[in-house]
Amino acid sequence: MGATMTYFIFARDGTSRIVLKRDTREAAEKKARELKDLGWFDVKIEAGVEPDRAGLGLPADQLPRPHR
């Protein structure tokens, strides 16, 4: 079996940061649009990047847990 690609959506609002995980590019893009419509900013999608390597500036044990 081949490895599947994972997509992480990173976003911020005035006080929070979130990291969401999706299994397809299309689902990630849909969620990113929804977040922007809700007022989140700095919304970006990164393929196959683990959250601790995505430039959040936090130690691995303090990173937000990816949610579905």
C-alpha atoms as a PDB file:
ATOM      1  CA  MET A   1       0.000   0.000   0.000  1.00  0.00           C
ATOM      2  CA  GLY A   2       1.167   3.507  -0.770  1.00  0.00           C
ATOM      3  CA  ALA A   3       1.397   6.267   1.756  1.00  0.00           C
ATOM      4  CA  THR A   4      -1.443   8.748   1.815  1.00  0.00           C
ATOM      5  CA  MET A   5      -0.844  12.471   1.878  1.00  0.00           C
ATOM      6  CA  THR A   6      -2.041  14.428   4.894  1.00  0.00           C
ATOM      7  CA  TYR A   7      -2.947  18.103   4.700  1.00  0.00           C
ATOM      8  CA  PHE A   8      -2.722  20.468   7.652  1.00  0.00           C
ATOM      9  CA  ILE A   9      -4.677  23.729   7.743  1.00  0.00           C
ATOM     10  CA  PHE A  10      -3.125  26.421   9.934  1.00  0.00           C
ATOM     11  CA  ALA A  11      -5.113  29.511  10.924  1.00  0.00           C
ATOM     12  CA  ARG A  12      -5.207  32.328  13.475  1.00  0.00           C
ATOM     13  CA  ASP A  13      -7.810  34.636  14.882  1.00  0.00           C
ATOM     14  CA  GLY A  14      -7.222  37.476  17.315  1.00  0.00           C
ATOM     15  CA  THR A  15      -6.352  35.217  20.254  1.00  0.00           C
ATOM     16  CA  SER A  16      -5.928  31.647  19.008  1.00  0.00           C
ATOM     17  CA  ARG A  17      -4.155  29.399  16.541  1.00  0.00           C
ATOM     18  CA  ILE A  18      -5.568  26.169  15.227  1.00  0.00           C
ATOM     19  CA  VAL A  19      -4.200  23.251  13.268  1.00  0.00           C
ATOM     20  CA  LEU A  20      -6.694  21.073  11.456  1.00  0.00           C
ATOM     21  CA  LYS A  21      -5.967  17.895   9.542  1.00  0.00           C
ATOM     22  CA  ARG A  22      -7.624  16.631   6.359  1.00  0.00           C
ATOM     23  CA  ASP A  23      -6.943  13.597   4.188  1.00  0.00           C
ATOM     24  CA  THR A  24      -7.524  15.253   0.795  1.00  0.00           C
ATOM     25  CA  ARG A  25      -6.487  18.538  -0.780  1.00  0.00           C
ATOM     26  CA  GLU A  26     -10.113  19.270  -1.677  1.00  0.00           C
ATOM     27  CA  ALA A  27     -11.272  18.845   1.933  1.00  0.00           C
ATOM     28  CA  ALA A  28      -8.406  21.040   3.164  1.00  0.00           C
ATOM     29  CA  GLU A  29      -9.263  23.783   0.669  1.00  0.00           C
ATOM     30  CA  LYS A  30     -12.944  23.640   1.641  1.00  0.00           C
ATOM     31  CA  LYS A  31     -12.116  23.989   5.348  1.00  0.00           C
ATOM     32  CA  ALA A  32      -9.664  26.820   4.625  1.00  0.00           C
ATOM     33  CA  ARG A  33     -12.404  28.723   2.775  1.00  0.00           C
ATOM     34  CA  GLU A  34     -14.818  28.147   5.663  1.00  0.00           C
ATOM     35  CA  LEU A  35     -12.275  29.454   8.167  1.00  0.00           C
ATOM     36  CA  LYS A  36     -11.653  32.585   6.086  1.00  0.00           C
ATOM     37  CA  ASP A  37     -15.407  33.167   5.851  1.00  0.00           C
ATOM     38  CA  LEU A  38     -15.588  32.926   9.655  1.00  0.00           C
ATOM     39  CA  GLY A  39     -12.917  35.619  10.036  1.00  0.00           C
ATOM     40  CA  TRP A  40      -9.804  33.510  10.644  1.00  0.00           C
ATOM     41  CA  PHE A  41      -6.638  34.872   9.018  1.00  0.00           C
ATOM     42  CA  ASP A  42      -3.168  33.652   8.094  1.00  0.00           C
ATOM     43  CA  VAL A  43      -4.952  30.572   6.786  1.00  0.00           C
ATOM     44  CA  LYS A  44      -2.588  28.233   4.980  1.00  0.00           C
ATOM     45  CA  ILE A  45      -2.486  24.629   3.876  1.00  0.00           C
ATOM     46  CA  GLU A  46       0.658  22.526   4.021  1.00  0.00           C
ATOM     47  CA  ALA A  47       0.871  19.017   2.650  1.00  0.00           C
ATOM     48  CA  GLY A  48       2.561  16.370   4.748  1.00  0.00           C
ATOM     49  CA  VAL A  49       4.122  18.837   7.198  1.00  0.00           C
ATOM     50  CA  GLU A  50       3.984  17.786  10.813  1.00  0.00           C
ATOM     51  CA  PRO A  51       2.715  20.632  13.030  1.00  0.00           C
ATOM     52  CA  ASP A  52       5.954  20.795  15.061  1.00  0.00           C
ATOM     53  CA  ARG A  53       7.828  21.635  11.836  1.00  0.00           C
ATOM     54  CA  ALA A  54       5.372  24.180  10.513  1.00  0.00           C
ATOM     55  CA  GLY A  55       6.827  27.289  12.079  1.00  0.00           C
ATOM     56  CA  LEU A  56       4.384  27.710  14.942  1.00  0.00           C
ATOM     57  CA  GLY A  57       7.253  28.650  17.237  1.00  0.00           C
ATOM     58  CA  LEU A  58       6.160  26.294  20.010  1.00  0.00           C
ATOM     59  CA  PRO A  59       7.896  23.277  21.511  1.00  0.00           C
ATOM     60  CA  ALA A  60       6.392  19.978  20.351  1.00  0.00           C
ATOM     61  CA  ASP A  61       4.750  19.317  23.725  1.00  0.00           C
ATOM     62  CA  GLN A  62       2.908  22.673  23.571  1.00  0.00           C
ATOM     63  CA  LEU A  63       1.553  22.408  20.044  1.00  0.00           C
ATOM     64  CA  PRO A  64      -2.182  22.344  19.471  1.00  0.00           C
ATOM     65  CA  ARG A  65      -3.518  18.905  18.714  1.00  0.00           C
ATOM     66  CA  PRO A  66      -4.760  18.473  15.146  1.00  0.00           C
ATOM     67  CA  HIS A  67      -8.547  18.114  15.005  1.00  0.00           C
ATOM     68  CA  ARG A  68     -10.800  16.673  12.340  1.00  0.00           C
END
